[in-house]
Amino acid sequence: MNDDRSSRAAANEGRQAMTWLERIGQALQGGEPKDKDDILQILRDASSRDILSHDAVSMIHGVLQVAEMQVRDIMIPRSQMVVLSRDGSLDEFVTIINDSAHSRFPVIGENRDEVLGILLAKDLLPYTSGSGRERFDIREILRPAFVVPESKRLNTLLTDFRTSRNHMAIVVDEYGGVAGLVTIEDVLEEIVGDIEDEHDVEEDEHFILANDDGTFSVKALTSVEEFNEYFDCDFSDEEFDTIGGLILGAFGRLPKRGESIELGGFLFNVVRADNRRIYHLEAQRCDGGNVPDETPQV
């Protein structure tokens, strides 16, 4: 009886595999593709004929993009890194971890160029109560930092993440200084789109955050009205409801990470975007005008 079931299951899997191959073959009937653009056009045609789903085509597009992108294209800039200082107290670490809701943190020495290692939030648990607080020494629980150049290809980085079992890498520039950091989630989001977790709703409470260097991190979903209120400016919301939509309209196309545009007295830099939409922006007044002292919650 079990043999019969196994045979039927194998036959079904074979038919499903053949159907998939047939669909791919049907998608390629238009001729052999000559370059990546031809492949993408074939995939779009396959999607329009319901041979492949839109999500499948979008993911394949993401895979092709990842093969051409470098770490500098998606890294979290140095100024936006959430770090811990080796000289901080346990209570300070717990506060930063709770506020950021991240699971991994670079631990620095004198400055952000001196990364001593990576702290996993879960490694603090044994020291948060009882005698553990007295025994706490951050140097004893640090894990080695995985360092990569900002020119590294994303497909190679993804392979390195898998083989080394690291989830975060410190990105350095050509002079050895820290340029930012990148996580395995950042790479995967270039393929599958934005990955939301249980903390994303909480993080959305702050749509505009002040950075140490005088710039501001702005979520693309920030309403134009909220942006105007925060910075005391007068962008129109007649055509676009969000600041991301406003920037998209100004570019006239979907911009890539790292591209900048000057608009309404502000310099906007695209911090995070994929082939679907803009996620995060960095804003800076071009005229050096006054900015608010505190970040409101929305």
C-alpha atoms as a PDB file:
ATOM      1  CA  MET A   1       0.000   0.000   0.000  1.00  0.00           C
ATOM      2  CA  ASN A   2       2.776   2.427   0.945  1.00  0.00           C
ATOM      3  CA  ASP A   3       4.606   1.580  -2.278  1.00  0.00           C
ATOM      4  CA  ASP A   4       1.489   2.486  -4.289  1.00  0.00           C
ATOM      5  CA  ARG A   5       1.166   5.818  -2.503  1.00  0.00           C
ATOM      6  CA  SER A   6       4.846   6.583  -3.080  1.00  0.00           C
ATOM      7  CA  SER A   7       4.492   5.752  -6.754  1.00  0.00           C
ATOM      8  CA  ARG A   8       1.459   8.007  -7.136  1.00  0.00           C
ATOM      9  CA  ALA A   9       3.210  10.850  -5.286  1.00  0.00           C
ATOM     10  CA  ALA A  10       6.287  10.507  -7.483  1.00  0.00           C
ATOM     11  CA  ALA A  11       4.129  10.504 -10.595  1.00  0.00           C
ATOM     12  CA  ASN A  12       2.308  13.646  -9.453  1.00  0.00           C
ATOM     13  CA  GLU A  13       5.603  15.407  -8.745  1.00  0.00           C
ATOM     14  CA  GLY A  14       6.843  14.396 -12.176  1.00  0.00           C
ATOM     15  CA  ARG A  15       3.735  15.823 -13.833  1.00  0.00           C
ATOM     16  CA  GLN A  16       4.069  19.076 -11.869  1.00  0.00           C
ATOM     17  CA  ALA A  17       7.732  19.368 -12.815  1.00  0.00           C
ATOM     18  CA  MET A  18       6.938  18.695 -16.455  1.00  0.00           C
ATOM     19  CA  THR A  19       4.175  21.282 -16.389  1.00  0.00           C
ATOM     20  CA  TRP A  20       6.627  23.849 -15.004  1.00  0.00           C
ATOM     21  CA  LEU A  21       9.189  23.009 -17.666  1.00  0.00           C
ATOM     22  CA  GLU A  22       6.522  23.220 -20.327  1.00  0.00           C
ATOM     23  CA  ARG A  23       5.531  26.651 -19.090  1.00  0.00           C
ATOM     24  CA  ILE A  24       9.111  27.888 -19.167  1.00  0.00           C
ATOM     25  CA  GLY A  25       9.490  26.444 -22.653  1.00  0.00           C
ATOM     26  CA  GLN A  26       6.318  28.167 -23.764  1.00  0.00           C
ATOM     27  CA  ALA A  27       7.612  31.452 -22.346  1.00  0.00           C
ATOM     28  CA  LEU A  28      10.810  31.087 -24.390  1.00  0.00           C
ATOM     29  CA  GLN A  29       9.113  30.234 -27.685  1.00  0.00           C
ATOM     30  CA  GLY A  30       9.618  33.785 -28.915  1.00  0.00           C
ATOM     31  CA  GLY A  31      13.268  33.060 -29.585  1.00  0.00           C
ATOM     32  CA  GLU A  32      16.535  32.786 -27.745  1.00  0.00           C
ATOM     33  CA  PRO A  33      17.154  35.837 -25.499  1.00  0.00           C
ATOM     34  CA  LYS A  34      20.203  37.908 -26.428  1.00  0.00           C
ATOM     35  CA  ASP A  35      20.634  39.829 -23.171  1.00  0.00           C
ATOM     36  CA  LYS A  36      19.041  40.525 -19.787  1.00  0.00           C
ATOM     37  CA  ASP A  37      16.481  42.927 -21.276  1.00  0.00           C
ATOM     38  CA  ASP A  38      15.282  40.171 -23.609  1.00  0.00           C
ATOM     39  CA  ILE A  39      14.927  37.805 -20.667  1.00  0.00           C
ATOM     40  CA  LEU A  40      12.922  40.369 -18.703  1.00  0.00           C
ATOM     41  CA  GLN A  41      10.658  41.028 -21.694  1.00  0.00           C
ATOM     42  CA  ILE A  42      10.033  37.283 -22.065  1.00  0.00           C
ATOM     43  CA  LEU A  43       9.192  37.050 -18.377  1.00  0.00           C
ATOM     44  CA  ARG A  44       6.813  40.018 -18.606  1.00  0.00           C
ATOM     45  CA  ASP A  45       5.105  38.411 -21.596  1.00  0.00           C
ATOM     46  CA  ALA A  46       4.821  35.165 -19.637  1.00  0.00           C
ATOM     47  CA  SER A  47       3.219  37.054 -16.761  1.00  0.00           C
ATOM     48  CA  SER A  48       0.719  38.800 -19.052  1.00  0.00           C
ATOM     49  CA  ARG A  49      -0.329  35.370 -20.401  1.00  0.00           C
ATOM     50  CA  ASP A  50      -0.625  33.931 -16.853  1.00  0.00           C
ATOM     51  CA  ILE A  51       2.196  31.474 -17.509  1.00  0.00           C
ATOM     52  CA  LEU A  52       4.157  32.912 -14.585  1.00  0.00           C
ATOM     53  CA  SER A  53       2.720  34.880 -11.684  1.00  0.00           C
ATOM     54  CA  HIS A  54       3.630  38.530 -11.194  1.00  0.00           C
ATOM     55  CA  ASP A  55       5.370  37.662  -7.910  1.00  0.00           C
ATOM     56  CA  ALA A  56       7.504  34.999  -9.603  1.00  0.00           C
ATOM     57  CA  VAL A  57       8.575  37.412 -12.344  1.00  0.00           C
ATOM     58  CA  SER A  58       9.327  40.092  -9.779  1.00  0.00           C
ATOM     59  CA  MET A  59      11.525  37.715  -7.788  1.00  0.00           C
ATOM     60  CA  ILE A  60      13.422  36.590 -10.892  1.00  0.00           C
ATOM     61  CA  HIS A  61      13.958  40.251 -11.736  1.00  0.00           C
ATOM     62  CA  GLY A  62      15.304  40.741  -8.211  1.00  0.00           C
ATOM     63  CA  VAL A  63      17.732  37.842  -8.629  1.00  0.00           C
ATOM     64  CA  LEU A  64      19.070  39.367 -11.846  1.00  0.00           C
ATOM     65  CA  GLN A  65      19.469  42.726 -10.121  1.00  0.00           C
ATOM     66  CA  VAL A  66      21.322  41.255  -7.151  1.00  0.00           C
ATOM     67  CA  ALA A  67      23.894  39.753  -9.497  1.00  0.00           C
ATOM     68  CA  GLU A  68      24.782  43.261 -10.707  1.00  0.00           C
ATOM     69  CA  MET A  69      24.522  45.270  -7.467  1.00  0.00           C
ATOM     70  CA  GLN A  70      27.244  46.006  -4.938  1.00  0.00           C
ATOM     71  CA  VAL A  71      27.116  46.253  -1.160  1.00  0.00           C
ATOM     72  CA  ARG A  72      27.354  50.074  -1.335  1.00  0.00           C
ATOM     73  CA  ASP A  73      23.998  50.080  -3.161  1.00  0.00           C
ATOM     74  CA  ILE A  74      22.019  48.715  -0.217  1.00  0.00           C
ATOM     75  CA  MET A  75      24.123  49.194   2.926  1.00  0.00           C
ATOM     76  CA  ILE A  76      22.847  51.115   5.945  1.00  0.00           C
ATOM     77  CA  PRO A  77      25.000  54.269   6.003  1.00  0.00           C
ATOM     78  CA  ARG A  78      27.467  54.814   8.839  1.00  0.00           C
ATOM     79  CA  SER A  79      25.438  57.731  10.234  1.00  0.00           C
ATOM     80  CA  GLN A  80      22.346  55.519  10.621  1.00  0.00           C
ATOM     81  CA  MET A  81      24.036  52.546  12.280  1.00  0.00           C
ATOM     82  CA  VAL A  82      22.706  51.710  15.741  1.00  0.00           C
ATOM     83  CA  VAL A  83      25.830  50.890  17.742  1.00  0.00           C
ATOM     84  CA  LEU A  84      26.828  50.107  21.324  1.00  0.00           C
ATOM     85  CA  SER A  85      29.882  51.531  23.061  1.00  0.00           C
ATOM     86  CA  ARG A  86      32.204  49.119  24.838  1.00  0.00           C
ATOM     87  CA  ASP A  87      32.210  51.504  27.826  1.00  0.00           C
ATOM     88  CA  GLY A  88      28.413  51.581  28.138  1.00  0.00           C
ATOM     89  CA  SER A  89      26.547  50.047  31.037  1.00  0.00           C
ATOM     90  CA  LEU A  90      24.250  47.047  30.887  1.00  0.00           C
ATOM     91  CA  ASP A  91      21.219  49.275  31.470  1.00  0.00           C
ATOM     92  CA  GLU A  92      22.283  51.517  28.584  1.00  0.00           C
ATOM     93  CA  PHE A  93      22.599  48.503  26.299  1.00  0.00           C
ATOM     94  CA  VAL A  94      19.156  47.212  27.271  1.00  0.00           C
ATOM     95  CA  THR A  95      17.599  50.622  26.606  1.00  0.00           C
ATOM     96  CA  ILE A  96      19.150  50.892  23.138  1.00  0.00           C
ATOM     97  CA  ILE A  97      18.126  47.329  22.280  1.00  0.00           C
ATOM     98  CA  ASN A  98      14.523  47.923  23.406  1.00  0.00           C
ATOM     99  CA  ASP A  99      14.271  51.220  21.531  1.00  0.00           C
ATOM    100  CA  SER A 100      15.729  49.927  18.257  1.00  0.00           C
ATOM    101  CA  ALA A 101      14.195  46.423  18.315  1.00  0.00           C
ATOM    102  CA  HIS A 102      17.202  45.059  16.432  1.00  0.00           C
ATOM    103  CA  SER A 103      18.804  41.720  17.257  1.00  0.00           C
ATOM    104  CA  ARG A 104      22.457  42.471  16.338  1.00  0.00           C
ATOM    105  CA  PHE A 105      24.607  45.471  17.172  1.00  0.00           C
ATOM    106  CA  PRO A 106      28.141  46.563  16.253  1.00  0.00           C
ATOM    107  CA  VAL A 107      30.130  47.350  19.402  1.00  0.00           C
ATOM    108  CA  ILE A 108      32.594  50.202  18.934  1.00  0.00           C
ATOM    109  CA  GLY A 109      35.592  51.571  20.797  1.00  0.00           C
ATOM    110  CA  GLU A 110      36.716  55.183  20.455  1.00  0.00           C
ATOM    111  CA  ASN A 111      34.658  55.814  17.310  1.00  0.00           C
ATOM    112  CA  ARG A 112      32.651  54.062  14.596  1.00  0.00           C
ATOM    113  CA  ASP A 113      35.803  53.103  12.700  1.00  0.00           C
ATOM    114  CA  GLU A 114      36.826  50.878  15.609  1.00  0.00           C
ATOM    115  CA  VAL A 115      34.348  47.993  15.495  1.00  0.00           C
ATOM    116  CA  LEU A 116      35.320  45.519  18.204  1.00  0.00           C
ATOM    117  CA  GLY A 117      32.718  42.896  17.407  1.00  0.00           C
ATOM    118  CA  ILE A 118      29.005  42.121  17.149  1.00  0.00           C
ATOM    119  CA  LEU A 119      26.659  41.725  20.099  1.00  0.00           C
ATOM    120  CA  LEU A 120      23.598  39.500  19.772  1.00  0.00           C
ATOM    121  CA  ALA A 121      20.777  40.800  21.953  1.00  0.00           C
ATOM    122  CA  LYS A 122      19.972  37.284  23.185  1.00  0.00           C
ATOM    123  CA  ASP A 123      23.489  36.970  24.621  1.00  0.00           C
ATOM    124  CA  LEU A 124      22.590  39.637  27.204  1.00  0.00           C
ATOM    125  CA  LEU A 125      19.741  37.624  28.717  1.00  0.00           C
ATOM    126  CA  PRO A 126      21.866  35.670  31.271  1.00  0.00           C
ATOM    127  CA  TYR A 127      23.176  38.975  32.663  1.00  0.00           C
ATOM    128  CA  THR A 128      19.944  40.908  33.093  1.00  0.00           C
ATOM    129  CA  SER A 129      19.056  39.636  36.574  1.00  0.00           C
ATOM    130  CA  GLY A 130      20.565  38.315  39.798  1.00  0.00           C
ATOM    131  CA  SER A 131      24.289  37.728  40.038  1.00  0.00           C
ATOM    132  CA  GLY A 132      24.588  37.887  36.272  1.00  0.00           C
ATOM    133  CA  ARG A 133      24.649  41.697  36.402  1.00  0.00           C
ATOM    134  CA  GLU A 134      27.804  41.610  38.512  1.00  0.00           C
ATOM    135  CA  ARG A 135      29.546  39.214  36.132  1.00  0.00           C
ATOM    136  CA  PHE A 136      28.702  41.188  32.986  1.00  0.00           C
ATOM    137  CA  ASP A 137      31.606  42.075  30.714  1.00  0.00           C
ATOM    138  CA  ILE A 138      30.660  42.895  27.138  1.00  0.00           C
ATOM    139  CA  ARG A 139      34.087  41.831  25.857  1.00  0.00           C
ATOM    140  CA  GLU A 140      33.378  38.228  26.878  1.00  0.00           C
ATOM    141  CA  ILE A 141      30.234  37.867  24.778  1.00  0.00           C
ATOM    142  CA  LEU A 142      31.262  39.726  21.626  1.00  0.00           C
ATOM    143  CA  ARG A 143      31.270  37.784  18.386  1.00  0.00           C
ATOM    144  CA  PRO A 144      33.776  38.498  15.601  1.00  0.00           C
ATOM    145  CA  ALA A 145      32.704  41.124  13.088  1.00  0.00           C
ATOM    146  CA  PHE A 146      32.308  39.958   9.491  1.00  0.00           C
ATOM    147  CA  VAL A 147      33.909  42.678   7.352  1.00  0.00           C
ATOM    148  CA  VAL A 148      33.301  43.199   3.618  1.00  0.00           C
ATOM    149  CA  PRO A 149      34.329  45.901   1.111  1.00  0.00           C
ATOM    150  CA  GLU A 150      31.603  48.189  -0.210  1.00  0.00           C
ATOM    151  CA  SER A 151      32.424  47.031  -3.754  1.00  0.00           C
ATOM    152  CA  LYS A 152      31.485  43.395  -3.033  1.00  0.00           C
ATOM    153  CA  ARG A 153      28.779  41.933  -5.279  1.00  0.00           C
ATOM    154  CA  LEU A 154      25.510  41.089  -3.539  1.00  0.00           C
ATOM    155  CA  ASN A 155      25.241  37.580  -4.976  1.00  0.00           C
ATOM    156  CA  THR A 156      28.711  36.797  -3.618  1.00  0.00           C
ATOM    157  CA  LEU A 157      27.815  38.360  -0.257  1.00  0.00           C
ATOM    158  CA  LEU A 158      24.687  36.209  -0.015  1.00  0.00           C
ATOM    159  CA  THR A 159      26.806  33.099  -0.578  1.00  0.00           C
ATOM    160  CA  ASP A 160      29.257  34.275   2.088  1.00  0.00           C
ATOM    161  CA  PHE A 161      26.413  34.877   4.534  1.00  0.00           C
ATOM    162  CA  ARG A 162      25.184  31.329   3.999  1.00  0.00           C
ATOM    163  CA  THR A 163      28.569  29.641   4.338  1.00  0.00           C
ATOM    164  CA  SER A 164      29.757  31.688   7.330  1.00  0.00           C
ATOM    165  CA  ARG A 165      26.316  31.709   9.017  1.00  0.00           C
ATOM    166  CA  ASN A 166      26.649  35.423   9.635  1.00  0.00           C
ATOM    167  CA  HIS A 167      23.611  37.683   9.353  1.00  0.00           C
ATOM    168  CA  MET A 168      25.395  41.041   9.501  1.00  0.00           C
ATOM    169  CA  ALA A 169      28.522  42.458   7.878  1.00  0.00           C
ATOM    170  CA  ILE A 170      30.456  45.652   8.569  1.00  0.00           C
ATOM    171  CA  VAL A 171      31.136  47.511   5.321  1.00  0.00           C
ATOM    172  CA  VAL A 172      34.469  49.295   4.877  1.00  0.00           C
ATOM    173  CA  ASP A 173      35.579  51.750   2.225  1.00  0.00           C
ATOM    174  CA  GLU A 174      38.808  51.723   0.221  1.00  0.00           C
ATOM    175  CA  TYR A 175      40.666  53.435   3.072  1.00  0.00           C
ATOM    176  CA  GLY A 176      39.583  50.900   5.702  1.00  0.00           C
ATOM    177  CA  GLY A 177      37.084  53.212   7.391  1.00  0.00           C
ATOM    178  CA  VAL A 178      33.609  51.969   8.292  1.00  0.00           C
ATOM    179  CA  ALA A 179      31.138  53.008   5.589  1.00  0.00           C
ATOM    180  CA  GLY A 180      28.069  51.251   7.001  1.00  0.00           C
ATOM    181  CA  LEU A 181      26.620  47.826   7.595  1.00  0.00           C
ATOM    182  CA  VAL A 182      24.538  45.313   5.667  1.00  0.00           C
ATOM    183  CA  THR A 183      22.403  42.381   6.778  1.00  0.00           C
ATOM    184  CA  ILE A 184      21.243  39.236   5.058  1.00  0.00           C
ATOM    185  CA  GLU A 185      17.714  40.644   5.233  1.00  0.00           C
ATOM    186  CA  ASP A 186      18.809  43.659   3.183  1.00  0.00           C
ATOM    187  CA  VAL A 187      20.043  41.343   0.425  1.00  0.00           C
ATOM    188  CA  LEU A 188      16.941  39.125   0.481  1.00  0.00           C
ATOM    189  CA  GLU A 189      14.660  42.164   0.291  1.00  0.00           C
ATOM    190  CA  GLU A 190      16.242  43.041  -3.049  1.00  0.00           C
ATOM    191  CA  ILE A 191      14.863  39.711  -4.303  1.00  0.00           C
ATOM    192  CA  VAL A 192      11.514  39.290  -2.547  1.00  0.00           C
ATOM    193  CA  GLY A 193      10.681  42.884  -1.620  1.00  0.00           C
ATOM    194  CA  ASP A 194      10.255  44.457   1.811  1.00  0.00           C
ATOM    195  CA  ILE A 195      10.281  41.909   4.645  1.00  0.00           C
ATOM    196  CA  GLU A 196       8.110  43.104   7.499  1.00  0.00           C
ATOM    197  CA  ASP A 197       8.396  41.638  10.977  1.00  0.00           C
ATOM    198  CA  GLU A 198       6.593  42.122  14.277  1.00  0.00           C
ATOM    199  CA  HIS A 199       8.626  45.223  15.052  1.00  0.00           C
ATOM    200  CA  ASP A 200       7.895  47.146  11.862  1.00  0.00           C
ATOM    201  CA  VAL A 201       4.572  48.515  13.115  1.00  0.00           C
ATOM    202  CA  GLU A 202       6.254  49.867  16.245  1.00  0.00           C
ATOM    203  CA  GLU A 203       9.078  51.398  14.224  1.00  0.00           C
ATOM    204  CA  ASP A 204       6.523  53.176  12.032  1.00  0.00           C
ATOM    205  CA  GLU A 205       5.595  55.358  15.028  1.00  0.00           C
ATOM    206  CA  HIS A 206       8.575  57.535  14.069  1.00  0.00           C
ATOM    207  CA  PHE A 207       8.358  58.568  10.437  1.00  0.00           C
ATOM    208  CA  ILE A 208      11.063  61.247  10.729  1.00  0.00           C
ATOM    209  CA  LEU A 209      14.213  60.803  12.810  1.00  0.00           C
ATOM    210  CA  ALA A 210      17.115  63.205  13.322  1.00  0.00           C
ATOM    211  CA  ASN A 211      20.615  61.858  12.584  1.00  0.00           C
ATOM    212  CA  ASP A 212      23.804  62.886  14.373  1.00  0.00           C
ATOM    213  CA  ASP A 213      25.201  64.553  11.248  1.00  0.00           C
ATOM    214  CA  GLY A 214      22.325  67.020  10.878  1.00  0.00           C
ATOM    215  CA  THR A 215      20.416  65.032   8.255  1.00  0.00           C
ATOM    216  CA  PHE A 216      17.018  63.420   8.783  1.00  0.00           C
ATOM    217  CA  SER A 217      15.866  59.868   8.072  1.00  0.00           C
ATOM    218  CA  VAL A 218      12.443  59.978   6.472  1.00  0.00           C
ATOM    219  CA  LYS A 219      10.203  57.022   5.726  1.00  0.00           C
ATOM    220  CA  ALA A 220       8.847  57.237   2.196  1.00  0.00           C
ATOM    221  CA  LEU A 221       5.313  56.667   3.540  1.00  0.00           C
ATOM    222  CA  THR A 222       5.487  59.912   5.535  1.00  0.00           C
ATOM    223  CA  SER A 223       2.564  62.048   4.441  1.00  0.00           C
ATOM    224  CA  VAL A 224       3.364  65.323   2.690  1.00  0.00           C
ATOM    225  CA  GLU A 225       1.241  67.075   5.308  1.00  0.00           C
ATOM    226  CA  GLU A 226       3.295  65.584   8.163  1.00  0.00           C
ATOM    227  CA  PHE A 227       6.567  66.482   6.420  1.00  0.00           C
ATOM    228  CA  ASN A 228       5.380  70.068   5.924  1.00  0.00           C
ATOM    229  CA  GLU A 229       4.344  70.345   9.555  1.00  0.00           C
ATOM    230  CA  TYR A 230       7.656  68.958  10.821  1.00  0.00           C
ATOM    231  CA  PHE A 231       9.910  71.168   8.687  1.00  0.00           C
ATOM    232  CA  ASP A 232       7.557  74.160   8.342  1.00  0.00           C
ATOM    233  CA  CYS A 233       7.591  73.929   4.544  1.00  0.00           C
ATOM    234  CA  ASP A 234       4.871  73.944   1.890  1.00  0.00           C
ATOM    235  CA  PHE A 235       5.142  70.973  -0.481  1.00  0.00           C
ATOM    236  CA  SER A 236       1.895  70.429  -2.385  1.00  0.00           C
ATOM    237  CA  ASP A 237      -0.141  67.295  -1.604  1.00  0.00           C
ATOM    238  CA  GLU A 238      -2.567  67.718  -4.488  1.00  0.00           C
ATOM    239  CA  GLU A 239      -0.839  65.151  -6.706  1.00  0.00           C
ATOM    240  CA  PHE A 240       0.976  62.961  -4.155  1.00  0.00           C
ATOM    241  CA  ASP A 241      -0.042  61.978  -0.627  1.00  0.00           C
ATOM    242  CA  THR A 242       3.382  60.799   0.588  1.00  0.00           C
ATOM    243  CA  ILE A 243       6.877  62.230   0.465  1.00  0.00           C
ATOM    244  CA  GLY A 244       8.010  59.080  -1.344  1.00  0.00           C
ATOM    245  CA  GLY A 245       5.452  59.724  -4.063  1.00  0.00           C
ATOM    246  CA  LEU A 246       6.602  63.325  -4.305  1.00  0.00           C
ATOM    247  CA  ILE A 247      10.215  62.257  -4.815  1.00  0.00           C
ATOM    248  CA  LEU A 248       9.171  59.578  -7.311  1.00  0.00           C
ATOM    249  CA  GLY A 249       7.303  62.208  -9.302  1.00  0.00           C
ATOM    250  CA  ALA A 250      10.293  64.539  -9.201  1.00  0.00           C
ATOM    251  CA  PHE A 251      12.595  61.851 -10.602  1.00  0.00           C
ATOM    252  CA  GLY A 252      10.026  60.824 -13.196  1.00  0.00           C
ATOM    253  CA  ARG A 253      11.081  57.209 -12.672  1.00  0.00           C
ATOM    254  CA  LEU A 254      11.889  54.800  -9.854  1.00  0.00           C
ATOM    255  CA  PRO A 255      15.266  55.981  -8.498  1.00  0.00           C
ATOM    256  CA  LYS A 256      18.023  53.676  -7.306  1.00  0.00           C
ATOM    257  CA  ARG A 257      19.620  53.668  -3.899  1.00  0.00           C
ATOM    258  CA  GLY A 258      22.191  56.437  -3.538  1.00  0.00           C
ATOM    259  CA  GLU A 259      20.588  58.786  -6.080  1.00  0.00           C
ATOM    260  CA  SER A 260      19.867  62.323  -4.922  1.00  0.00           C
ATOM    261  CA  ILE A 261      17.592  65.138  -6.010  1.00  0.00           C
ATOM    262  CA  GLU A 262      17.147  68.739  -4.877  1.00  0.00           C
ATOM    263  CA  LEU A 263      13.550  69.773  -4.363  1.00  0.00           C
ATOM    264  CA  GLY A 264      11.905  72.668  -2.562  1.00  0.00           C
ATOM    265  CA  GLY A 265      15.017  73.692  -0.659  1.00  0.00           C
ATOM    266  CA  PHE A 266      15.844  70.141   0.419  1.00  0.00           C
ATOM    267  CA  LEU A 267      18.383  67.625  -0.792  1.00  0.00           C
ATOM    268  CA  PHE A 268      16.790  64.172  -0.785  1.00  0.00           C
ATOM    269  CA  ASN A 269      18.976  61.075  -0.937  1.00  0.00           C
ATOM    270  CA  VAL A 270      17.431  57.665  -1.621  1.00  0.00           C
ATOM    271  CA  VAL A 271      18.634  55.467   1.230  1.00  0.00           C
ATOM    272  CA  ARG A 272      16.603  52.378   0.452  1.00  0.00           C
ATOM    273  CA  ALA A 273      14.601  51.352  -2.591  1.00  0.00           C
ATOM    274  CA  ASP A 274      14.045  48.304  -4.740  1.00  0.00           C
ATOM    275  CA  ASN A 275      12.518  47.656  -8.145  1.00  0.00           C
ATOM    276  CA  ARG A 276       9.051  48.212  -6.672  1.00  0.00           C
ATOM    277  CA  ARG A 277       9.128  51.356  -4.544  1.00  0.00           C
ATOM    278  CA  ILE A 278      11.089  53.749  -2.345  1.00  0.00           C
ATOM    279  CA  TYR A 279      11.300  52.839   1.358  1.00  0.00           C
ATOM    280  CA  HIS A 280      13.596  55.353   3.089  1.00  0.00           C
ATOM    281  CA  LEU A 281      14.991  58.785   2.316  1.00  0.00           C
ATOM    282  CA  GLU A 282      17.572  61.066   3.857  1.00  0.00           C
ATOM    283  CA  ALA A 283      16.633  64.746   3.859  1.00  0.00           C
ATOM    284  CA  GLN A 284      18.813  67.802   4.396  1.00  0.00           C
ATOM    285  CA  ARG A 285      18.014  71.478   4.077  1.00  0.00           C
ATOM    286  CA  CYS A 286      20.025  73.056   1.279  1.00  0.00           C
ATOM    287  CA  ASP A 287      19.862  76.509   2.897  1.00  0.00           C
ATOM    288  CA  GLY A 288      20.923  75.349   6.362  1.00  0.00           C
ATOM    289  CA  GLY A 289      17.640  76.618   7.773  1.00  0.00           C
ATOM    290  CA  ASN A 290      16.313  75.903  11.227  1.00  0.00           C
ATOM    291  CA  VAL A 291      15.156  72.403  11.988  1.00  0.00           C
ATOM    292  CA  PRO A 292      12.993  71.166  14.863  1.00  0.00           C
ATOM    293  CA  ASP A 293      14.710  70.074  18.073  1.00  0.00           C
ATOM    294  CA  GLU A 294      12.514  67.068  18.754  1.00  0.00           C
ATOM    295  CA  THR A 295      11.033  64.319  16.640  1.00  0.00           C
ATOM    296  CA  PRO A 296       7.226  64.083  16.992  1.00  0.00           C
ATOM    297  CA  GLN A 297       5.383  60.800  16.993  1.00  0.00           C
ATOM    298  CA  VAL A 298       2.700  60.236  14.360  1.00  0.00           C
END
